[in-house]
């Protein structure tokens, strides 16, 4: 059986960006996922075909070889089939689109994220452990700055955009 062109499988142009490829793949993955189409061999095959196309086109080196030599550039006459180990579960495949339905998963951008666990090592005597010991400890922690509330200036008028990075936080 001849393999279909990966761009055709995902219905994207050869100049598609990684975001375009990812969006097209996720659409097909949702539509043809075996969990949504139990017992439908054609849907499962389309799902595997889309996953294979995505694995190649989302990797810059594989995509470059595929663009230059087609399936032959990927070795052994093609990519070698669908690799089920590439995704651990349904929520990995969809990249968190349905994270609310799967009980959370990845933290959302800009939302609160769980911090590191706190640990405090303290030595006590054996008798203190047996009889019980009540003491006060100081745990170092980060707090929001009262005057600026974490904005970097006491008032919004005092906030200035960095002339070096333009407010991006990093220089390219």
N, C-alpha and C. Protein backbone atom coordinates (compact mmCIF):
# COMPACT_ATOMS: atom_id res chain seq x y z
N UNK A 1 0.84 -1.16 0.00
CA UNK A 1 0.00 0.00 0.00
C UNK A 1 0.89 1.24 0.00
N UNK A 2 0.58 2.22 -0.83
CA UNK A 2 1.35 3.44 -0.91
C UNK A 2 0.94 4.39 0.20
N UNK A 3 1.96 4.96 0.83
CA UNK A 3 1.67 5.91 1.91
C UNK A 3 1.22 7.23 1.33
N UNK A 4 0.23 7.83 1.99
CA UNK A 4 -0.27 9.15 1.57
C UNK A 4 0.71 10.23 2.00
N UNK A 5 0.71 11.33 1.29
CA UNK A 5 1.52 12.48 1.63
C UNK A 5 1.09 12.99 3.00
N UNK A 6 2.07 13.24 3.89
CA UNK A 6 1.75 13.65 5.25
C UNK A 6 1.03 15.00 5.30
N UNK A 7 1.36 15.89 4.40
CA UNK A 7 0.66 17.18 4.36
C UNK A 7 -0.81 16.97 3.96
N UNK A 8 -1.03 16.03 3.06
CA UNK A 8 -2.39 15.71 2.64
C UNK A 8 -3.17 15.06 3.78
N UNK A 9 -2.50 14.20 4.54
CA UNK A 9 -3.15 13.52 5.66
C UNK A 9 -3.68 14.55 6.66
N UNK A 10 -2.85 15.56 6.96
CA UNK A 10 -3.25 16.58 7.93
C UNK A 10 -4.00 17.75 7.30
N UNK A 11 -4.13 17.74 5.98
CA UNK A 11 -4.82 18.81 5.24
C UNK A 11 -4.19 20.18 5.52
N UNK A 12 -2.86 20.24 5.43
CA UNK A 12 -2.14 21.50 5.60
C UNK A 12 -1.23 21.70 4.39
N UNK A 13 -0.83 22.94 4.16
CA UNK A 13 0.07 23.23 3.05
C UNK A 13 1.50 22.92 3.45
N UNK A 14 2.40 22.85 2.48
CA UNK A 14 3.81 22.58 2.77
C UNK A 14 4.45 23.73 3.53
N UNK A 15 3.86 24.89 3.49
CA UNK A 15 4.42 26.04 4.21
C UNK A 15 3.77 26.23 5.59
N UNK A 16 3.01 25.24 6.04
CA UNK A 16 2.29 25.33 7.32
C UNK A 16 3.26 25.49 8.48
N UNK A 17 2.86 26.29 9.45
CA UNK A 17 3.67 26.47 10.66
C UNK A 17 3.45 25.28 11.59
N UNK A 18 4.30 25.20 12.61
CA UNK A 18 4.14 24.13 13.60
C UNK A 18 2.78 24.22 14.28
N UNK A 19 2.31 25.44 14.54
CA UNK A 19 1.00 25.62 15.17
C UNK A 19 -0.11 25.12 14.24
N UNK A 20 0.00 25.38 12.93
CA UNK A 20 -0.99 24.89 11.98
C UNK A 20 -1.02 23.36 11.97
N UNK A 21 0.15 22.76 11.98
CA UNK A 21 0.27 21.30 11.96
C UNK A 21 -0.33 20.71 13.24
N UNK A 22 0.00 21.33 14.36
CA UNK A 22 -0.51 20.85 15.65
C UNK A 22 -2.04 20.95 15.70
N UNK A 23 -2.57 22.07 15.24
CA UNK A 23 -4.02 22.29 15.24
C UNK A 23 -4.73 21.25 14.35
N UNK A 24 -4.18 21.01 13.17
CA UNK A 24 -4.78 20.04 12.25
C UNK A 24 -4.73 18.64 12.84
N UNK A 25 -3.59 18.30 13.45
CA UNK A 25 -3.47 16.98 14.05
C UNK A 25 -4.48 16.79 15.18
N UNK A 26 -4.58 17.77 16.06
CA UNK A 26 -5.50 17.64 17.18
C UNK A 26 -6.94 17.48 16.72
N UNK A 27 -7.31 18.19 15.67
CA UNK A 27 -8.66 18.06 15.13
C UNK A 27 -8.90 16.63 14.67
N UNK A 28 -7.94 16.07 13.91
CA UNK A 28 -8.08 14.70 13.43
C UNK A 28 -8.02 13.69 14.58
N UNK A 29 -7.17 13.94 15.56
CA UNK A 29 -7.04 13.02 16.69
C UNK A 29 -8.35 12.92 17.46
N UNK A 30 -9.01 14.07 17.65
CA UNK A 30 -10.29 14.06 18.35
C UNK A 30 -11.33 13.30 17.53
N UNK A 31 -11.36 13.58 16.24
CA UNK A 31 -12.38 12.98 15.37
C UNK A 31 -12.21 11.47 15.22
N UNK A 32 -10.97 11.00 15.13
CA UNK A 32 -10.73 9.58 14.79
C UNK A 32 -10.17 8.75 15.94
N UNK A 33 -10.09 9.29 17.14
CA UNK A 33 -9.51 8.53 18.24
C UNK A 33 -10.31 7.26 18.50
N UNK A 34 -9.61 6.13 18.71
CA UNK A 34 -10.30 4.85 18.94
C UNK A 34 -11.27 4.87 20.12
N UNK A 35 -11.03 5.67 21.13
CA UNK A 35 -11.95 5.75 22.26
C UNK A 35 -13.29 6.37 21.86
N UNK A 36 -13.25 7.24 20.87
CA UNK A 36 -14.49 7.87 20.40
C UNK A 36 -15.16 7.05 19.31
N UNK A 37 -14.42 6.11 18.70
CA UNK A 37 -14.94 5.30 17.60
C UNK A 37 -14.64 3.82 17.86
N UNK A 38 -15.16 3.25 18.93
CA UNK A 38 -14.82 1.86 19.25
C UNK A 38 -15.28 0.90 18.15
N UNK A 39 -14.36 0.00 17.79
CA UNK A 39 -14.69 -1.03 16.80
C UNK A 39 -14.65 -0.55 15.36
N UNK A 40 -14.30 0.68 15.09
CA UNK A 40 -14.24 1.19 13.72
C UNK A 40 -12.79 1.19 13.25
N UNK A 41 -12.43 0.19 12.48
CA UNK A 41 -11.06 0.02 12.03
C UNK A 41 -10.59 1.18 11.16
N UNK A 42 -11.48 1.73 10.35
CA UNK A 42 -11.10 2.85 9.47
C UNK A 42 -10.72 4.08 10.29
N UNK A 43 -11.48 4.37 11.34
CA UNK A 43 -11.16 5.51 12.19
C UNK A 43 -9.82 5.29 12.89
N UNK A 44 -9.56 4.08 13.34
CA UNK A 44 -8.29 3.78 13.99
C UNK A 44 -7.13 3.96 13.02
N UNK A 45 -7.30 3.51 11.78
CA UNK A 45 -6.24 3.67 10.77
C UNK A 45 -6.00 5.15 10.47
N UNK A 46 -7.05 5.93 10.37
CA UNK A 46 -6.89 7.37 10.12
C UNK A 46 -6.20 8.05 11.31
N UNK A 47 -6.52 7.61 12.51
CA UNK A 47 -5.88 8.14 13.70
C UNK A 47 -4.38 7.84 13.67
N UNK A 48 -4.02 6.61 13.37
CA UNK A 48 -2.61 6.21 13.30
C UNK A 48 -1.89 6.97 12.19
N UNK A 49 -2.55 7.13 11.07
CA UNK A 49 -1.97 7.85 9.94
C UNK A 49 -1.71 9.33 10.31
N UNK A 50 -2.66 9.94 11.00
CA UNK A 50 -2.50 11.33 11.43
C UNK A 50 -1.38 11.45 12.47
N UNK A 51 -1.29 10.50 13.38
CA UNK A 51 -0.24 10.52 14.40
C UNK A 51 1.14 10.37 13.75
N UNK A 52 1.22 9.49 12.78
CA UNK A 52 2.49 9.29 12.06
C UNK A 52 2.88 10.57 11.31
N UNK A 53 1.92 11.19 10.64
CA UNK A 53 2.20 12.43 9.93
C UNK A 53 2.64 13.52 10.90
N UNK A 54 1.98 13.61 12.03
CA UNK A 54 2.33 14.62 13.02
C UNK A 54 3.72 14.39 13.59
N UNK A 55 4.07 13.13 13.86
CA UNK A 55 5.39 12.82 14.40
C UNK A 55 6.50 13.28 13.45
N UNK A 56 6.27 13.17 12.17
CA UNK A 56 7.27 13.59 11.19
C UNK A 56 7.26 15.10 11.00
N UNK A 57 6.10 15.68 10.76
CA UNK A 57 6.03 17.11 10.43
C UNK A 57 6.27 18.03 11.62
N UNK A 58 6.12 17.53 12.84
CA UNK A 58 6.37 18.38 14.01
C UNK A 58 7.83 18.36 14.43
N UNK A 59 8.62 17.47 13.87
CA UNK A 59 10.05 17.40 14.17
C UNK A 59 10.81 18.08 13.03
N UNK A 60 11.51 19.18 13.29
CA UNK A 60 12.16 19.94 12.21
C UNK A 60 13.10 19.11 11.34
N UNK A 61 13.89 18.23 11.94
CA UNK A 61 14.84 17.42 11.15
C UNK A 61 14.10 16.41 10.28
N UNK A 62 13.13 15.71 10.86
CA UNK A 62 12.36 14.73 10.07
C UNK A 62 11.59 15.43 8.96
N UNK A 63 11.04 16.59 9.28
CA UNK A 63 10.29 17.34 8.27
C UNK A 63 11.20 17.76 7.12
N UNK A 64 12.42 18.21 7.45
CA UNK A 64 13.37 18.62 6.41
C UNK A 64 13.69 17.44 5.49
N UNK A 65 13.96 16.26 6.08
CA UNK A 65 14.25 15.08 5.26
C UNK A 65 13.03 14.66 4.44
N UNK A 66 11.85 14.74 5.06
CA UNK A 66 10.62 14.36 4.34
C UNK A 66 10.37 15.32 3.17
N UNK A 67 10.58 16.63 3.39
CA UNK A 67 10.38 17.60 2.32
C UNK A 67 11.35 17.37 1.17
N UNK A 68 12.57 16.96 1.50
CA UNK A 68 13.59 16.76 0.47
C UNK A 68 13.43 15.43 -0.26
N UNK A 69 13.13 14.35 0.46
CA UNK A 69 13.16 13.01 -0.14
C UNK A 69 11.86 12.23 -0.02
N UNK A 70 10.83 12.79 0.57
CA UNK A 70 9.57 12.07 0.75
C UNK A 70 9.72 10.98 1.78
N UNK A 71 8.92 9.95 1.64
CA UNK A 71 8.94 8.84 2.61
C UNK A 71 10.29 8.13 2.60
N UNK A 72 10.97 8.10 1.47
CA UNK A 72 12.27 7.44 1.38
C UNK A 72 13.31 8.12 2.26
N UNK A 73 13.17 9.40 2.50
CA UNK A 73 14.11 10.13 3.34
C UNK A 73 14.00 9.80 4.81
N UNK A 74 12.98 9.08 5.18
CA UNK A 74 12.75 8.75 6.59
C UNK A 74 13.26 7.36 6.94
N UNK A 75 13.80 6.65 5.96
CA UNK A 75 14.39 5.33 6.21
C UNK A 75 13.40 4.22 5.99
N UNK A 76 13.88 3.13 5.45
CA UNK A 76 13.09 1.91 5.19
C UNK A 76 11.79 2.18 4.47
N UNK A 77 11.81 3.08 3.52
CA UNK A 77 10.63 3.31 2.69
C UNK A 77 9.51 4.04 3.38
N UNK A 78 9.77 4.61 4.51
CA UNK A 78 8.72 5.33 5.24
C UNK A 78 9.16 5.57 6.67
N UNK A 79 8.28 6.08 7.41
CA UNK A 79 8.59 6.43 8.79
C UNK A 79 8.69 5.20 9.67
N UNK A 80 8.05 4.13 9.27
CA UNK A 80 8.10 2.92 10.06
C UNK A 80 6.85 2.66 10.85
N UNK A 81 5.81 3.42 10.60
CA UNK A 81 4.53 3.16 11.25
C UNK A 81 4.32 3.99 12.49
N UNK A 82 3.18 3.77 13.08
CA UNK A 82 2.76 4.51 14.26
C UNK A 82 3.49 3.98 15.47
N UNK A 83 4.06 4.85 16.26
CA UNK A 83 4.76 4.48 17.47
C UNK A 83 3.86 4.78 18.67
N UNK A 84 3.22 3.76 19.23
CA UNK A 84 2.29 4.01 20.32
C UNK A 84 2.96 4.55 21.57
N UNK A 85 4.28 4.39 21.71
CA UNK A 85 4.94 4.90 22.90
C UNK A 85 5.13 6.41 22.85
N UNK A 86 4.83 7.03 21.70
CA UNK A 86 5.01 8.48 21.57
C UNK A 86 4.03 9.23 22.46
N UNK A 87 2.90 8.63 22.77
CA UNK A 87 1.89 9.27 23.60
C UNK A 87 1.52 8.32 24.71
N UNK A 88 1.44 8.83 25.93
CA UNK A 88 1.15 7.94 27.03
C UNK A 88 -0.34 7.76 27.27
N UNK A 89 -1.14 8.79 26.99
CA UNK A 89 -2.58 8.64 27.16
C UNK A 89 -3.31 9.66 26.30
N UNK A 90 -4.61 9.58 26.33
CA UNK A 90 -5.46 10.42 25.48
C UNK A 90 -5.22 11.89 25.73
N UNK A 91 -4.99 12.29 26.99
CA UNK A 91 -4.78 13.70 27.28
C UNK A 91 -3.45 14.19 26.74
N UNK A 92 -2.42 13.31 26.64
CA UNK A 92 -1.17 13.71 26.02
C UNK A 92 -1.36 13.99 24.54
N UNK A 93 -2.15 13.18 23.89
CA UNK A 93 -2.38 13.33 22.46
C UNK A 93 -3.03 14.67 22.17
N UNK A 94 -3.95 15.05 22.98
CA UNK A 94 -4.68 16.29 22.73
C UNK A 94 -4.00 17.50 23.33
N UNK A 95 -2.86 17.30 23.96
CA UNK A 95 -2.09 18.41 24.47
C UNK A 95 -2.81 19.26 25.49
N UNK A 96 -3.70 18.68 26.24
CA UNK A 96 -4.36 19.43 27.29
C UNK A 96 -5.64 20.13 26.86
N UNK A 97 -6.10 19.91 25.63
CA UNK A 97 -7.32 20.57 25.19
C UNK A 97 -8.47 20.26 26.13
N UNK A 98 -8.56 18.99 26.53
CA UNK A 98 -9.67 18.57 27.37
C UNK A 98 -9.21 18.34 28.80
N UNK A 99 -8.19 19.10 29.25
CA UNK A 99 -7.66 18.85 30.59
C UNK A 99 -8.72 18.99 31.67
N UNK A 100 -9.71 19.85 31.46
CA UNK A 100 -10.77 19.98 32.46
C UNK A 100 -11.57 18.70 32.58
N UNK A 101 -11.78 17.99 31.47
CA UNK A 101 -12.56 16.76 31.50
C UNK A 101 -11.76 15.60 32.07
N UNK A 102 -10.42 15.67 32.01
CA UNK A 102 -9.59 14.59 32.50
C UNK A 102 -9.06 14.86 33.90
N UNK A 103 -9.67 15.80 34.59
CA UNK A 103 -9.30 16.04 35.98
C UNK A 103 -8.09 16.92 36.16
N UNK A 104 -7.93 17.87 35.31
CA UNK A 104 -6.84 18.83 35.51
C UNK A 104 -5.72 18.61 34.53
N UNK A 105 -4.67 17.94 34.95
CA UNK A 105 -3.53 17.74 34.06
C UNK A 105 -2.56 18.91 34.16
N UNK A 106 -2.33 19.55 33.06
CA UNK A 106 -1.35 20.63 33.01
C UNK A 106 -1.91 21.91 33.60
N UNK A 107 -1.05 22.67 34.29
CA UNK A 107 -1.52 23.96 34.79
C UNK A 107 -1.70 24.94 33.64
N UNK A 108 -2.69 25.78 33.78
CA UNK A 108 -2.95 26.77 32.74
C UNK A 108 -1.96 27.91 32.86
N UNK A 109 -1.68 28.54 31.72
CA UNK A 109 -0.79 29.70 31.74
C UNK A 109 -1.42 30.81 32.55
N UNK A 110 -0.59 31.47 33.32
CA UNK A 110 -1.05 32.62 34.07
C UNK A 110 -1.80 32.27 35.34
N UNK A 111 -2.23 31.05 35.49
CA UNK A 111 -2.98 30.66 36.68
C UNK A 111 -2.04 30.25 37.79
N UNK A 112 -2.58 30.01 38.95
CA UNK A 112 -1.72 29.61 40.07
C UNK A 112 -1.11 28.24 39.80
N UNK A 113 0.13 28.10 40.17
CA UNK A 113 0.82 26.83 40.02
C UNK A 113 1.34 26.39 41.38
N UNK A 114 1.37 25.11 41.59
CA UNK A 114 1.82 24.57 42.86
C UNK A 114 3.31 24.85 43.02
N UNK A 115 3.68 25.31 44.19
CA UNK A 115 5.08 25.60 44.48
C UNK A 115 5.81 24.36 44.96
N UNK A 116 7.06 24.54 45.31
CA UNK A 116 7.86 23.44 45.84
C UNK A 116 7.41 23.09 47.25
N UNK A 117 7.60 21.83 47.62
CA UNK A 117 7.31 21.41 48.98
C UNK A 117 8.30 22.08 49.92
N UNK A 118 7.86 22.37 51.13
CA UNK A 118 8.73 22.95 52.14
C UNK A 118 9.27 21.83 53.01
N UNK A 119 10.55 21.96 53.42
CA UNK A 119 11.16 20.96 54.29
C UNK A 119 11.94 21.69 55.36
N UNK A 120 11.83 21.20 56.57
CA UNK A 120 12.56 21.80 57.67
C UNK A 120 13.19 20.67 58.49
N UNK A 121 14.52 20.65 58.55
CA UNK A 121 15.22 19.64 59.34
C UNK A 121 15.49 20.21 60.73
N UNK A 122 15.15 19.42 61.75
CA UNK A 122 15.34 19.88 63.12
C UNK A 122 15.78 18.69 63.96
N UNK A 123 16.82 18.90 64.74
CA UNK A 123 17.29 17.84 65.63
C UNK A 123 16.68 18.05 67.01
N UNK A 124 16.16 16.95 67.57
CA UNK A 124 15.63 17.00 68.93
C UNK A 124 16.18 15.81 69.70
N UNK A 125 16.17 15.92 70.99
CA UNK A 125 16.65 14.84 71.86
C UNK A 125 15.62 13.72 71.90
N UNK A 126 16.08 12.52 72.25
CA UNK A 126 15.19 11.36 72.32
C UNK A 126 14.04 11.59 73.29
N UNK A 127 14.34 12.10 74.49
CA UNK A 127 13.30 12.31 75.49
C UNK A 127 12.27 13.35 75.02
N UNK A 128 12.74 14.36 74.27
CA UNK A 128 11.81 15.36 73.72
C UNK A 128 10.85 14.70 72.74
N UNK A 129 11.37 13.74 71.97
CA UNK A 129 10.52 13.03 71.02
C UNK A 129 9.52 12.14 71.74
N UNK A 130 9.95 11.48 72.82
CA UNK A 130 9.07 10.58 73.56
C UNK A 130 8.02 11.36 74.34
N UNK A 131 8.45 12.42 75.02
CA UNK A 131 7.55 13.18 75.88
C UNK A 131 6.76 14.23 75.10
N UNK A 132 7.20 14.53 73.92
CA UNK A 132 6.54 15.57 73.12
C UNK A 132 7.26 16.89 73.29
N UNK A 133 7.35 17.64 72.25
CA UNK A 133 8.05 18.92 72.29
C UNK A 133 7.22 19.93 71.52
N UNK A 134 7.02 21.06 72.14
CA UNK A 134 6.32 22.12 71.45
C UNK A 134 7.32 23.26 71.25
N UNK A 135 7.53 23.66 70.01
CA UNK A 135 8.49 24.71 69.71
C UNK A 135 8.00 25.52 68.51
N UNK A 136 8.64 26.64 68.30
CA UNK A 136 8.30 27.50 67.16
C UNK A 136 9.45 27.45 66.17
N UNK A 137 9.13 27.32 64.92
CA UNK A 137 10.17 27.33 63.89
C UNK A 137 9.87 28.45 62.89
N UNK A 138 10.90 28.92 62.21
CA UNK A 138 10.75 29.95 61.18
C UNK A 138 11.01 29.28 59.83
N UNK A 139 10.03 29.30 58.96
CA UNK A 139 10.16 28.70 57.64
C UNK A 139 10.34 29.83 56.62
N UNK A 140 11.47 29.85 55.91
CA UNK A 140 11.66 30.90 54.91
C UNK A 140 10.69 30.71 53.75
N UNK A 141 10.09 31.79 53.31
CA UNK A 141 9.14 31.70 52.21
C UNK A 141 9.08 33.02 51.47
N UNK A 142 8.58 32.99 50.27
CA UNK A 142 8.46 34.18 49.44
C UNK A 142 7.08 34.77 49.64
N UNK A 143 7.02 36.07 49.83
CA UNK A 143 5.75 36.76 50.00
C UNK A 143 5.67 37.88 48.99
N UNK A 144 4.46 38.29 48.68
CA UNK A 144 4.28 39.43 47.79
C UNK A 144 4.72 40.70 48.50
N UNK A 145 5.30 41.59 47.73
CA UNK A 145 5.74 42.89 48.26
C UNK A 145 4.50 43.75 48.50
N UNK A 146 4.34 44.23 49.74
CA UNK A 146 3.18 45.05 50.09
C UNK A 146 3.09 46.34 49.28
N UNK A 147 4.18 47.13 49.19
CA UNK A 147 4.05 48.42 48.49
C UNK A 147 3.68 48.29 47.01
N UNK A 148 4.24 47.27 46.31
CA UNK A 148 3.98 47.20 44.86
C UNK A 148 3.08 46.05 44.46
N UNK A 149 2.71 45.17 45.37
CA UNK A 149 1.86 44.01 45.10
C UNK A 149 2.42 43.13 43.97
N UNK A 150 3.73 43.10 43.84
CA UNK A 150 4.36 42.25 42.84
C UNK A 150 4.44 42.85 41.45
N UNK A 151 4.09 44.13 41.30
CA UNK A 151 4.12 44.77 39.99
C UNK A 151 5.44 45.46 39.69
N UNK A 152 6.28 45.66 40.68
CA UNK A 152 7.58 46.26 40.46
C UNK A 152 7.62 47.76 40.67
N UNK A 153 6.51 48.36 41.03
CA UNK A 153 6.48 49.80 41.29
C UNK A 153 5.34 50.09 42.25
N UNK A 154 5.50 51.17 43.03
CA UNK A 154 4.49 51.51 44.03
C UNK A 154 3.17 51.93 43.40
N UNK A 155 3.22 52.56 42.24
CA UNK A 155 1.99 52.96 41.55
C UNK A 155 2.12 52.64 40.06
N UNK A 156 1.02 52.48 39.35
CA UNK A 156 1.09 52.17 37.92
C UNK A 156 1.84 53.24 37.13
N UNK A 157 1.85 54.49 37.60
CA UNK A 157 2.57 55.55 36.89
C UNK A 157 4.08 55.36 36.97
N UNK A 158 4.56 54.66 38.00
CA UNK A 158 5.99 54.46 38.18
C UNK A 158 6.54 53.29 37.36
N UNK A 159 5.66 52.48 36.77
CA UNK A 159 6.10 51.32 36.00
C UNK A 159 6.65 51.81 34.67
N UNK A 160 7.86 51.36 34.33
CA UNK A 160 8.50 51.75 33.06
C UNK A 160 8.88 50.48 32.30
N UNK A 161 8.77 50.52 30.99
CA UNK A 161 9.17 49.40 30.15
C UNK A 161 10.68 49.40 30.03
N UNK A 162 11.28 48.25 30.18
CA UNK A 162 12.73 48.10 30.11
C UNK A 162 13.22 48.49 28.71
N UNK A 163 14.22 49.33 28.65
CA UNK A 163 14.74 49.77 27.35
C UNK A 163 15.58 48.69 26.68
N UNK A 164 16.06 47.71 27.43
CA UNK A 164 16.89 46.65 26.86
C UNK A 164 16.06 45.55 26.22
N UNK A 165 15.06 45.06 26.94
CA UNK A 165 14.28 43.92 26.43
C UNK A 165 12.88 44.30 25.97
N UNK A 166 12.47 45.55 26.18
CA UNK A 166 11.14 45.97 25.79
C UNK A 166 10.04 45.35 26.63
N UNK A 167 10.37 44.88 27.81
CA UNK A 167 9.36 44.30 28.69
C UNK A 167 9.17 42.80 28.48
N UNK A 168 9.96 42.19 27.56
CA UNK A 168 9.81 40.76 27.28
C UNK A 168 10.45 39.89 28.35
N UNK A 169 11.38 40.46 29.12
CA UNK A 169 12.04 39.67 30.14
C UNK A 169 13.23 38.90 29.64
N UNK A 170 13.51 38.96 28.34
CA UNK A 170 14.67 38.29 27.78
C UNK A 170 15.11 39.01 26.52
N UNK A 171 16.39 38.89 26.20
CA UNK A 171 16.97 39.55 25.03
C UNK A 171 17.32 38.49 24.01
N UNK A 172 16.99 38.75 22.76
CA UNK A 172 17.34 37.80 21.69
C UNK A 172 18.56 38.28 20.95
